C-alpha cells in the first residue's frame, strides 16, 4: 500500500503556460478575498461569502497550519 506521508513532503508546484498551482501564502489574501467575497462563487459553499479581508488571512493561516501540522513544506 502507498504511504502518502512520504509522497507529499513538500507542497507540489505545478506550472503550465496558463496555470500555476502552488501553496498559497499570506500575500495571496487579497486575491482569495476577491474570490470568496463573491456571492456567485460561494452560493453553494457551506459558509457565507467573506465580508472582511481578515477572513481571507485567517483562512490562509488555517490552511498553512494544517500543512505544517502534517509536515508539508
Foldseek 3Di string as FASTA:
>chain_A
DDDCLVVQLAFDWDDDPPDTDHQDDLVCLVVVLVQQQDCVNCVPPPDHRDDDSVVSSVVSVVVVVVCVVSNYD
